C-alpha atoms as a PDB file:
ATOM      1  CA  UNK A   1     -45.898  42.125  -9.458  1.00  0.00           C
ATOM      2  CA  UNK A   2     -47.741  42.392  -6.197  1.00  0.00           C
ATOM      3  CA  UNK A   3     -47.342  45.453  -4.069  1.00  0.00           C
ATOM      4  CA  UNK A   4     -45.122  44.585  -1.139  1.00  0.00           C
ATOM      5  CA  UNK A   5     -45.365  46.806   1.869  1.00  0.00           C
ATOM      6  CA  UNK A   6     -42.027  47.939   3.176  1.00  0.00           C
ATOM      7  CA  UNK A   7     -41.368  46.687   6.671  1.00  0.00           C
ATOM      8  CA  UNK A   8     -40.922  49.476   9.205  1.00  0.00           C
ATOM      9  CA  UNK A   9     -37.294  50.150   9.949  1.00  0.00           C
ATOM     10  CA  UNK A  10     -36.553  49.672  13.652  1.00  0.00           C
ATOM     11  CA  UNK A  11     -34.924  52.621  15.354  1.00  0.00           C
ATOM     12  CA  UNK A  12     -31.410  52.212  16.647  1.00  0.00           C
ATOM     13  CA  UNK A  13     -31.146  52.045  20.405  1.00  0.00           C
ATOM     14  CA  UNK A  14     -28.673  54.417  21.993  1.00  0.00           C
ATOM     15  CA  UNK A  15     -26.571  52.729  24.686  1.00  0.00           C
ATOM     16  CA  UNK A  16     -24.494  54.729  27.146  1.00  0.00           C
ATOM     17  CA  UNK A  17     -21.121  53.257  28.061  1.00  0.00           C
ATOM     18  CA  UNK A  18     -19.197  54.150  31.201  1.00  0.00           C
ATOM     19  CA  UNK A  19     -16.207  56.430  30.670  1.00  0.00           C
ATOM     20  CA  UNK A  20     -14.234  54.596  33.369  1.00  0.00           C
ATOM     21  CA  UNK A  21     -14.769  50.849  32.846  1.00  0.00           C
ATOM     22  CA  UNK A  22     -16.450  50.930  29.370  1.00  0.00           C
ATOM     23  CA  UNK A  23     -19.384  48.775  30.513  1.00  0.00           C
ATOM     24  CA  UNK A  24     -22.986  49.958  30.407  1.00  0.00           C
ATOM     25  CA  UNK A  25     -23.715  51.768  33.714  1.00  0.00           C
ATOM     26  CA  UNK A  26     -26.101  48.998  34.784  1.00  0.00           C
ATOM     27  CA  UNK A  27     -23.125  46.611  34.929  1.00  0.00           C
ATOM     28  CA  UNK A  28     -20.500  48.905  36.515  1.00  0.00           C
ATOM     29  CA  UNK A  29     -21.084  47.276  39.894  1.00  0.00           C
ATOM     30  CA  UNK A  30     -19.477  44.074  38.577  1.00  0.00           C
ATOM     31  CA  UNK A  31     -16.231  45.854  37.671  1.00  0.00           C
ATOM     32  CA  UNK A  32     -13.488  46.799  40.068  1.00  0.00           C
ATOM     33  CA  UNK A  33     -14.011  50.571  39.828  1.00  0.00           C
ATOM     34  CA  UNK A  34     -17.550  50.956  41.158  1.00  0.00           C
ATOM     35  CA  UNK A  35     -16.891  54.178  43.084  1.00  0.00           C
ATOM     36  CA  UNK A  36     -15.164  55.919  40.157  1.00  0.00           C
ATOM     37  CA  UNK A  37     -17.906  54.731  37.796  1.00  0.00           C
ATOM     38  CA  UNK A  38     -20.579  56.159  40.081  1.00  0.00           C
ATOM     39  CA  UNK A  39     -18.766  59.530  40.244  1.00  0.00           C
ATOM     40  CA  UNK A  40     -18.430  59.594  36.435  1.00  0.00           C
ATOM     41  CA  UNK A  41     -22.115  58.758  35.971  1.00  0.00           C
ATOM     42  CA  UNK A  42     -23.248  61.451  38.429  1.00  0.00           C
ATOM     43  CA  UNK A  43     -21.222  64.112  36.609  1.00  0.00           C
ATOM     44  CA  UNK A  44     -22.083  63.145  33.020  1.00  0.00           C
ATOM     45  CA  UNK A  45     -25.586  61.592  33.238  1.00  0.00           C
ATOM     46  CA  UNK A  46     -27.284  62.783  36.458  1.00  0.00           C
ATOM     47  CA  UNK A  47     -30.705  61.465  35.400  1.00  0.00           C
ATOM     48  CA  UNK A  48     -29.382  57.925  34.878  1.00  0.00           C
ATOM     49  CA  UNK A  49     -27.392  58.178  38.145  1.00  0.00           C
ATOM     50  CA  UNK A  50     -30.556  59.092  40.021  1.00  0.00           C
ATOM     51  CA  UNK A  51     -32.358  56.119  38.465  1.00  0.00           C
ATOM     52  CA  UNK A  52     -29.614  53.566  39.221  1.00  0.00           C
ATOM     53  CA  UNK A  53     -28.214  54.799  42.538  1.00  0.00           C
ATOM     54  CA  UNK A  54     -31.215  56.339  44.301  1.00  0.00           C
ATOM     55  CA  UNK A  55     -31.947  55.125  47.831  1.00  0.00           C
ATOM     56  CA  UNK A  56     -35.325  53.674  46.719  1.00  0.00           C
ATOM     57  CA  UNK A  57     -33.692  51.602  43.973  1.00  0.00           C
ATOM     58  CA  UNK A  58     -31.043  50.253  46.327  1.00  0.00           C
ATOM     59  CA  UNK A  59     -33.619  49.357  48.978  1.00  0.00           C
ATOM     60  CA  UNK A  60     -35.850  47.681  46.375  1.00  0.00           C
ATOM     61  CA  UNK A  61     -32.936  45.584  45.121  1.00  0.00           C
ATOM     62  CA  UNK A  62     -31.928  44.604  48.663  1.00  0.00           C
ATOM     63  CA  UNK A  63     -35.495  43.726  49.718  1.00  0.00           C
ATOM     64  CA  UNK A  64     -35.760  41.169  46.909  1.00  0.00           C
ATOM     65  CA  UNK A  65     -32.762  39.282  48.355  1.00  0.00           C
ATOM     66  CA  UNK A  66     -32.912  36.742  51.144  1.00  0.00           C
ATOM     67  CA  UNK A  67     -31.517  37.666  54.548  1.00  0.00           C
ATOM     68  CA  UNK A  68     -28.337  35.648  53.971  1.00  0.00           C
ATOM     69  CA  UNK A  69     -27.835  37.213  50.538  1.00  0.00           C
ATOM     70  CA  UNK A  70     -28.286  40.701  52.033  1.00  0.00           C
ATOM     71  CA  UNK A  71     -25.594  39.992  54.615  1.00  0.00           C
ATOM     72  CA  UNK A  72     -23.260  38.645  51.935  1.00  0.00           C
ATOM     73  CA  UNK A  73     -23.910  41.701  49.745  1.00  0.00           C
ATOM     74  CA  UNK A  74     -23.081  44.053  52.625  1.00  0.00           C
ATOM     75  CA  UNK A  75     -19.936  42.062  53.440  1.00  0.00           C
ATOM     76  CA  UNK A  76     -18.844  42.087  49.776  1.00  0.00           C
ATOM     77  CA  UNK A  77     -19.488  45.826  49.525  1.00  0.00           C
ATOM     78  CA  UNK A  78     -17.310  46.455  52.581  1.00  0.00           C
ATOM     79  CA  UNK A  79     -14.555  44.242  51.134  1.00  0.00           C
ATOM     80  CA  UNK A  80     -14.646  46.066  47.794  1.00  0.00           C
ATOM     81  CA  UNK A  81     -14.547  49.468  49.490  1.00  0.00           C
ATOM     82  CA  UNK A  82     -11.579  48.440  51.645  1.00  0.00           C
ATOM     83  CA  UNK A  83      -9.777  46.983  48.622  1.00  0.00           C
ATOM     84  CA  UNK A  84     -10.334  50.138  46.570  1.00  0.00           C
ATOM     85  CA  UNK A  85      -9.145  52.311  49.448  1.00  0.00           C
ATOM     86  CA  UNK A  86      -5.969  50.272  49.911  1.00  0.00           C
ATOM     87  CA  UNK A  87      -5.278  50.371  46.159  1.00  0.00           C
ATOM     88  CA  UNK A  88      -5.652  54.153  46.155  1.00  0.00           C
ATOM     89  CA  UNK A  89      -3.343  54.419  49.171  1.00  0.00           C
ATOM     90  CA  UNK A  90      -0.719  52.214  47.468  1.00  0.00           C
ATOM     91  CA  UNK A  91      -0.923  54.369  44.336  1.00  0.00           C
ATOM     92  CA  UNK A  92      -0.338  57.511  46.417  1.00  0.00           C
ATOM     93  CA  UNK A  93       2.643  55.903  48.190  1.00  0.00           C
ATOM     94  CA  UNK A  94       4.092  54.817  44.847  1.00  0.00           C
ATOM     95  CA  UNK A  95       3.658  58.331  43.473  1.00  0.00           C
ATOM     96  CA  UNK A  96       5.359  59.847  46.532  1.00  0.00           C
ATOM     97  CA  UNK A  97       8.333  57.467  46.382  1.00  0.00           C
ATOM     98  CA  UNK A  98       8.793  57.525  42.582  1.00  0.00           C
ATOM     99  CA  UNK A  99      11.449  59.646  40.941  1.00  0.00           C
ATOM    100  CA  UNK A 100      11.788  60.979  37.425  1.00  0.00           C
ATOM    101  CA  UNK A 101      15.332  60.576  36.138  1.00  0.00           C
ATOM    102  CA  UNK A 102      16.570  62.769  33.306  1.00  0.00           C
ATOM    103  CA  UNK A 103      19.748  61.250  31.856  1.00  0.00           C
ATOM    104  CA  UNK A 104      22.162  62.954  29.502  1.00  0.00           C
ATOM    105  CA  UNK A 105      23.790  60.118  27.569  1.00  0.00           C
ATOM    106  CA  UNK A 106      26.872  60.687  25.417  1.00  0.00           C
ATOM    107  CA  UNK A 107      26.719  58.787  22.133  1.00  0.00           C
ATOM    108  CA  UNK A 108      29.971  59.677  20.368  1.00  0.00           C
ATOM    109  CA  UNK A 109      32.183  62.748  20.501  1.00  0.00           C
ATOM    110  CA  UNK A 110      29.829  65.698  20.950  1.00  0.00           C
ATOM    111  CA  UNK A 111      26.527  63.933  20.270  1.00  0.00           C
ATOM    112  CA  UNK A 112      24.059  63.449  23.134  1.00  0.00           C
ATOM    113  CA  UNK A 113      20.705  61.837  23.825  1.00  0.00           C
ATOM    114  CA  UNK A 114      18.412  62.782  26.705  1.00  0.00           C
ATOM    115  CA  UNK A 115      16.407  59.967  28.332  1.00  0.00           C
ATOM    116  CA  UNK A 116      13.506  60.552  30.735  1.00  0.00           C
ATOM    117  CA  UNK A 117      12.568  57.605  32.950  1.00  0.00           C
ATOM    118  CA  UNK A 118       9.797  57.260  35.549  1.00  0.00           C
ATOM    119  CA  UNK A 119       7.005  59.531  34.282  1.00  0.00           C
ATOM    120  CA  UNK A 120       4.418  56.729  34.082  1.00  0.00           C
ATOM    121  CA  UNK A 121       4.281  56.520  37.893  1.00  0.00           C
ATOM    122  CA  UNK A 122       2.666  59.967  37.965  1.00  0.00           C
ATOM    123  CA  UNK A 123      -0.179  58.984  35.644  1.00  0.00           C
ATOM    124  CA  UNK A 124       1.154  60.791  32.592  1.00  0.00           C
ATOM    125  CA  UNK A 125       0.597  59.433  29.103  1.00  0.00           C
ATOM    126  CA  UNK A 126       4.121  58.990  27.738  1.00  0.00           C
ATOM    127  CA  UNK A 127       3.180  59.300  24.059  1.00  0.00           C
ATOM    128  CA  UNK A 128       1.532  62.666  24.722  1.00  0.00           C
ATOM    129  CA  UNK A 129       4.462  63.927  26.823  1.00  0.00           C
ATOM    130  CA  UNK A 130       6.872  62.746  24.126  1.00  0.00           C
ATOM    131  CA  UNK A 131       4.941  64.646  21.483  1.00  0.00           C
ATOM    132  CA  UNK A 132       4.872  67.790  23.665  1.00  0.00           C
ATOM    133  CA  UNK A 133       8.632  67.591  24.238  1.00  0.00           C
ATOM    134  CA  UNK A 134       9.337  67.017  20.542  1.00  0.00           C
ATOM    135  CA  UNK A 135       7.268  70.062  19.589  1.00  0.00           C
ATOM    136  CA  UNK A 136       8.682  72.265  22.341  1.00  0.00           C
ATOM    137  CA  UNK A 137      12.342  71.574  21.551  1.00  0.00           C
ATOM    138  CA  UNK A 138      11.967  70.864  17.807  1.00  0.00           C
ATOM    139  CA  UNK A 139      13.722  67.531  18.068  1.00  0.00           C
ATOM    140  CA  UNK A 140      13.114  63.830  17.617  1.00  0.00           C
ATOM    141  CA  UNK A 141      11.302  62.223  20.536  1.00  0.00           C
ATOM    142  CA  UNK A 142      10.224  58.618  21.015  1.00  0.00           C
ATOM    143  CA  UNK A 143       8.904  56.261  23.671  1.00  0.00           C
ATOM    144  CA  UNK A 144      10.881  53.043  24.039  1.00  0.00           C
ATOM    145  CA  UNK A 145      10.528  50.026  26.291  1.00  0.00           C
ATOM    146  CA  UNK A 146      13.248  49.301  28.826  1.00  0.00           C
ATOM    147  CA  UNK A 147      14.597  45.824  29.519  1.00  0.00           C
ATOM    148  CA  UNK A 148      13.580  46.292  33.164  1.00  0.00           C
ATOM    149  CA  UNK A 149       9.930  46.543  32.108  1.00  0.00           C
ATOM    150  CA  UNK A 150       9.240  50.276  32.182  1.00  0.00           C
ATOM    151  CA  UNK A 151       9.231  52.830  29.397  1.00  0.00           C
ATOM    152  CA  UNK A 152      11.367  55.879  28.721  1.00  0.00           C
ATOM    153  CA  UNK A 153      11.192  58.937  26.516  1.00  0.00           C
ATOM    154  CA  UNK A 154      14.287  59.480  24.374  1.00  0.00           C
ATOM    155  CA  UNK A 155      15.068  62.925  22.947  1.00  0.00           C
ATOM    156  CA  UNK A 156      17.795  63.748  20.456  1.00  0.00           C
ATOM    157  CA  UNK A 157      20.238  66.296  21.803  1.00  0.00           C
ATOM    158  CA  UNK A 158      21.499  67.614  25.124  1.00  0.00           C
ATOM    159  CA  UNK A 159      18.267  68.945  26.622  1.00  0.00           C
ATOM    160  CA  UNK A 160      18.475  67.768  30.237  1.00  0.00           C
ATOM    161  CA  UNK A 161      18.254  71.200  31.912  1.00  0.00           C
ATOM    162  CA  UNK A 162      15.553  72.436  29.548  1.00  0.00           C
ATOM    163  CA  UNK A 163      13.500  69.252  30.006  1.00  0.00           C
ATOM    164  CA  UNK A 164      13.787  69.604  33.794  1.00  0.00           C
ATOM    165  CA  UNK A 165      12.370  73.139  33.656  1.00  0.00           C
ATOM    166  CA  UNK A 166       9.661  72.128  31.154  1.00  0.00           C
ATOM    167  CA  UNK A 167       8.436  69.166  33.242  1.00  0.00           C
ATOM    168  CA  UNK A 168       8.240  71.212  36.435  1.00  0.00           C
ATOM    169  CA  UNK A 169       6.457  74.076  34.692  1.00  0.00           C
ATOM    170  CA  UNK A 170       3.938  72.169  32.561  1.00  0.00           C
ATOM    171  CA  UNK A 171       3.066  69.027  34.551  1.00  0.00           C
ATOM    172  CA  UNK A 172       1.776  69.770  38.044  1.00  0.00           C
ATOM    173  CA  UNK A 173       1.514  66.022  38.778  1.00  0.00           C
ATOM    174  CA  UNK A 174       5.311  65.765  38.951  1.00  0.00           C
ATOM    175  CA  UNK A 175       6.722  67.295  42.176  1.00  0.00           C
ATOM    176  CA  UNK A 176      10.016  69.155  41.772  1.00  0.00           C
ATOM    177  CA  UNK A 177      11.602  67.153  44.602  1.00  0.00           C
ATOM    178  CA  UNK A 178      11.068  63.902  42.679  1.00  0.00           C
ATOM    179  CA  UNK A 179      12.984  64.988  39.528  1.00  0.00           C
ATOM    180  CA  UNK A 180      16.732  64.436  39.249  1.00  0.00           C
ATOM    181  CA  UNK A 181      19.260  64.988  36.460  1.00  0.00           C
ATOM    182  CA  UNK A 182      22.031  62.429  35.838  1.00  0.00           C
ATOM    183  CA  UNK A 183      24.906  62.431  33.363  1.00  0.00           C
ATOM    184  CA  UNK A 184      25.794  59.072  31.829  1.00  0.00           C
ATOM    185  CA  UNK A 185      29.139  58.905  29.998  1.00  0.00           C
ATOM    186  CA  UNK A 186      30.459  56.153  27.793  1.00  0.00           C
ATOM    187  CA  UNK A 187      33.409  54.246  29.166  1.00  0.00           C
ATOM    188  CA  UNK A 188      36.410  54.944  26.976  1.00  0.00           C
ATOM    189  CA  UNK A 189      38.738  52.051  26.216  1.00  0.00           C
ATOM    190  CA  UNK A 190      42.215  52.506  27.594  1.00  0.00           C
ATOM    191  CA  UNK A 191      45.084  51.691  25.223  1.00  0.00           C
END
């Protein structure tokens, strides 16, 4: 048989993806989180940030546009900045007005379940919090969906006071003033 030369194997290209929007950094401007993406890029890849967001690069990109397109780009940038600012302000207001409710629910006789509602408003990952609570109190813990649309963490046992202390101590995102304990009893049938 004839000697066949092996074709050179092309090297794999390494692509960086944004940690905020999961797009390549060149395309982050088309997402809704441009400011956060830029902050992430400057902290993790300063060389790429300097290449993409330097003043020379921005001026070069703007100079290639027509005068009308430049005005539209500036107007769009202002709109996006205002929209992002209002969204951040709404999130802060929601966080300030949200409450975490810790319910002690009686199942039957002396059996109790503790339900924690409202943690997602503070940016906490419920599965992780559930796992932490289950480990801390050596009990069953699960995240369940509510009919009203939110999610709650359900713990086996009467742990309302202990959970209150644990949440305040471990999670700084949750202000103590926004946590309340409630006791929910079953209605007994009258004979």
